[in-house]
Amino acid sequence: MSRPSSLTRQSGRLSQGCQRGLELRRVGSGNRLTFGKSGEADLSQWMADHAQVWWLEHDEPWTLESELIAQHDLPLNLDQNRHNGFHDRLKEVRAKARQRARALPISA
């Protein structure tokens, strides 16, 4: 199974508290965290139905990323985004999801 994108991980962690039935779990050797095959598929379908994702080819994308984060409200970006009002809450949600996943048995 491939590694989920940052967008998938953020959306999934936020969805854990909702009625989506997602649960972050350790897999394999126990070092990797995922929502499992069915959870990843469900989350991908939800994102296809509801999320808007844009991309742009750029020779130095890290410079563009900094500009976009500074100029727009992008709450799921943590890096370079401490000014966002959702930053601390998202950081807390992520930490709790990782802590809970590490306390659960490794999923097959």
C-alpha atoms as a PDB file:
ATOM      1  CA  MET A   1       0.000   0.000   0.000  1.00  0.00           C
ATOM      2  CA  SER A   2       1.379   3.397  -0.908  1.00  0.00           C
ATOM      3  CA  ARG A   3       1.829   6.161   1.612  1.00  0.00           C
ATOM      4  CA  PRO A   4      -1.174   8.520   1.893  1.00  0.00           C
ATOM      5  CA  SER A   5      -0.756  12.146   0.846  1.00  0.00           C
ATOM      6  CA  SER A   6      -0.610  14.953   3.397  1.00  0.00           C
ATOM      7  CA  LEU A   7      -4.092  16.036   2.319  1.00  0.00           C
ATOM      8  CA  THR A   8      -5.423  12.514   2.849  1.00  0.00           C
ATOM      9  CA  ARG A   9      -3.786  12.233   6.273  1.00  0.00           C
ATOM     10  CA  GLN A  10      -5.084  15.635   7.441  1.00  0.00           C
ATOM     11  CA  SER A  11      -8.603  14.993   6.142  1.00  0.00           C
ATOM     12  CA  GLY A  12      -8.682  11.522   7.661  1.00  0.00           C
ATOM     13  CA  ARG A  13      -7.529  12.681  11.061  1.00  0.00           C
ATOM     14  CA  LEU A  14     -10.173  15.372  11.089  1.00  0.00           C
ATOM     15  CA  SER A  15     -12.784  12.814   9.989  1.00  0.00           C
ATOM     16  CA  GLN A  16     -11.928  10.356  12.768  1.00  0.00           C
ATOM     17  CA  GLY A  17     -14.219  12.170  15.174  1.00  0.00           C
ATOM     18  CA  CYS A  18     -17.063  12.204  12.662  1.00  0.00           C
ATOM     19  CA  GLN A  19     -19.336   9.383  11.644  1.00  0.00           C
ATOM     20  CA  ARG A  20     -16.988   8.287   8.836  1.00  0.00           C
ATOM     21  CA  GLY A  21     -15.737   5.175  10.653  1.00  0.00           C
ATOM     22  CA  LEU A  22     -12.072   6.002  10.014  1.00  0.00           C
ATOM     23  CA  GLU A  23      -9.415   4.974  12.478  1.00  0.00           C
ATOM     24  CA  LEU A  24      -5.715   5.661  12.141  1.00  0.00           C
ATOM     25  CA  ARG A  25      -3.773   2.453  12.813  1.00  0.00           C
ATOM     26  CA  ARG A  26      -0.222   1.150  12.839  1.00  0.00           C
ATOM     27  CA  VAL A  27       0.550  -1.343  10.085  1.00  0.00           C
ATOM     28  CA  GLY A  28       3.452  -3.552   9.022  1.00  0.00           C
ATOM     29  CA  SER A  29       6.324  -3.240  11.495  1.00  0.00           C
ATOM     30  CA  GLY A  30       4.229  -0.765  13.484  1.00  0.00           C
ATOM     31  CA  ASN A  31       6.073   2.372  12.383  1.00  0.00           C
ATOM     32  CA  ARG A  32       3.713   3.354   9.566  1.00  0.00           C
ATOM     33  CA  LEU A  33       0.284   4.850  10.226  1.00  0.00           C
ATOM     34  CA  THR A  34      -2.623   4.487   7.811  1.00  0.00           C
ATOM     35  CA  PHE A  35      -6.412   4.297   7.709  1.00  0.00           C
ATOM     36  CA  GLY A  36      -6.224   0.833   6.113  1.00  0.00           C
ATOM     37  CA  LYS A  37      -7.181  -0.122   2.579  1.00  0.00           C
ATOM     38  CA  SER A  38     -10.921   0.385   2.972  1.00  0.00           C
ATOM     39  CA  GLY A  39     -10.503   3.564   5.026  1.00  0.00           C
ATOM     40  CA  GLU A  40      -8.080   5.052   2.493  1.00  0.00           C
ATOM     41  CA  ALA A  41     -10.463   4.129  -0.350  1.00  0.00           C
ATOM     42  CA  ASP A  42     -13.473   5.641   1.457  1.00  0.00           C
ATOM     43  CA  LEU A  43     -11.527   8.805   2.244  1.00  0.00           C
ATOM     44  CA  SER A  44     -10.279   9.085  -1.343  1.00  0.00           C
ATOM     45  CA  GLN A  45     -13.847   8.788  -2.617  1.00  0.00           C
ATOM     46  CA  TRP A  46     -15.083  11.411  -0.138  1.00  0.00           C
ATOM     47  CA  MET A  47     -12.297  13.763  -1.249  1.00  0.00           C
ATOM     48  CA  ALA A  48     -13.123  13.146  -4.926  1.00  0.00           C
ATOM     49  CA  ASP A  49     -16.741  14.078  -4.205  1.00  0.00           C
ATOM     50  CA  HIS A  50     -16.116  17.077  -1.919  1.00  0.00           C
ATOM     51  CA  ALA A  51     -12.571  18.459  -2.045  1.00  0.00           C
ATOM     52  CA  GLN A  52     -11.090  20.895  -4.514  1.00  0.00           C
ATOM     53  CA  VAL A  53      -7.428  20.293  -5.237  1.00  0.00           C
ATOM     54  CA  TRP A  54      -5.422  22.470  -7.580  1.00  0.00           C
ATOM     55  CA  TRP A  55      -1.872  22.105  -8.770  1.00  0.00           C
ATOM     56  CA  LEU A  56       0.537  24.077 -10.866  1.00  0.00           C
ATOM     57  CA  GLU A  57       3.874  23.139 -12.354  1.00  0.00           C
ATOM     58  CA  HIS A  58       6.598  25.463 -11.068  1.00  0.00           C
ATOM     59  CA  ASP A  59      10.403  25.316 -11.246  1.00  0.00           C
ATOM     60  CA  GLU A  60      10.724  26.243  -7.547  1.00  0.00           C
ATOM     61  CA  PRO A  61       7.458  25.127  -5.908  1.00  0.00           C
ATOM     62  CA  TRP A  62       8.720  25.834  -2.377  1.00  0.00           C
ATOM     63  CA  THR A  63       8.807  29.575  -3.156  1.00  0.00           C
ATOM     64  CA  LEU A  64       5.270  29.530  -4.504  1.00  0.00           C
ATOM     65  CA  GLU A  65       4.081  27.488  -1.529  1.00  0.00           C
ATOM     66  CA  SER A  66       5.387  30.118   0.910  1.00  0.00           C
ATOM     67  CA  GLU A  67       3.622  32.896  -0.999  1.00  0.00           C
ATOM     68  CA  LEU A  68       0.322  31.008  -1.178  1.00  0.00           C
ATOM     69  CA  ILE A  69       0.343  30.119   2.521  1.00  0.00           C
ATOM     70  CA  ALA A  70       1.072  33.748   3.431  1.00  0.00           C
ATOM     71  CA  GLN A  71      -1.668  35.144   1.167  1.00  0.00           C
ATOM     72  CA  HIS A  72      -4.502  32.620   1.544  1.00  0.00           C
ATOM     73  CA  ASP A  73      -6.411  30.771   4.253  1.00  0.00           C
ATOM     74  CA  LEU A  74      -5.058  27.214   3.878  1.00  0.00           C
ATOM     75  CA  PRO A  75      -5.956  25.587   7.207  1.00  0.00           C
ATOM     76  CA  LEU A  76      -4.664  22.082   6.438  1.00  0.00           C
ATOM     77  CA  ASN A  77      -1.108  23.312   5.842  1.00  0.00           C
ATOM     78  CA  LEU A  78       0.886  23.316   9.082  1.00  0.00           C
ATOM     79  CA  ASP A  79       4.319  24.148   7.694  1.00  0.00           C
ATOM     80  CA  GLN A  80       4.887  27.943   7.540  1.00  0.00           C
ATOM     81  CA  ASN A  81       1.304  28.465   8.697  1.00  0.00           C
ATOM     82  CA  ARG A  82       1.394  29.248  12.419  1.00  0.00           C
ATOM     83  CA  HIS A  83      -0.583  32.434  11.733  1.00  0.00           C
ATOM     84  CA  ASN A  84      -3.640  30.401  10.737  1.00  0.00           C
ATOM     85  CA  GLY A  85      -6.324  30.238  13.422  1.00  0.00           C
ATOM     86  CA  PHE A  86      -6.746  26.480  12.910  1.00  0.00           C
ATOM     87  CA  HIS A  87      -3.022  25.641  13.207  1.00  0.00           C
ATOM     88  CA  ASP A  88      -2.963  24.760  16.919  1.00  0.00           C
ATOM     89  CA  ARG A  89      -6.205  22.763  16.754  1.00  0.00           C
ATOM     90  CA  LEU A  90      -5.033  20.734  13.750  1.00  0.00           C
ATOM     91  CA  LYS A  91      -1.695  20.079  15.426  1.00  0.00           C
ATOM     92  CA  GLU A  92      -3.544  18.826  18.523  1.00  0.00           C
ATOM     93  CA  VAL A  93      -5.889  16.591  16.473  1.00  0.00           C
ATOM     94  CA  ARG A  94      -2.913  15.082  14.644  1.00  0.00           C
ATOM     95  CA  ALA A  95      -1.023  14.400  17.878  1.00  0.00           C
ATOM     96  CA  LYS A  96      -4.038  12.738  19.511  1.00  0.00           C
ATOM     97  CA  ALA A  97      -4.674  10.566  16.445  1.00  0.00           C
ATOM     98  CA  ARG A  98      -1.040   9.402  16.382  1.00  0.00           C
ATOM     99  CA  GLN A  99      -1.077   8.756  20.144  1.00  0.00           C
ATOM    100  CA  ARG A 100      -4.274   6.710  19.903  1.00  0.00           C
ATOM    101  CA  ALA A 101      -2.967   4.729  16.900  1.00  0.00           C
ATOM    102  CA  ARG A 102       0.253   3.883  18.728  1.00  0.00           C
ATOM    103  CA  ALA A 103      -1.729   2.603  21.700  1.00  0.00           C
ATOM    104  CA  LEU A 104      -3.758   0.197  19.523  1.00  0.00           C
ATOM    105  CA  PRO A 105      -2.521  -3.192  18.316  1.00  0.00           C
ATOM    106  CA  ILE A 106      -0.874  -3.306  14.894  1.00  0.00           C
ATOM    107  CA  SER A 107      -3.501  -3.792  12.209  1.00  0.00           C
ATOM    108  CA  ALA A 108      -3.152  -6.508   9.564  1.00  0.00           C
END
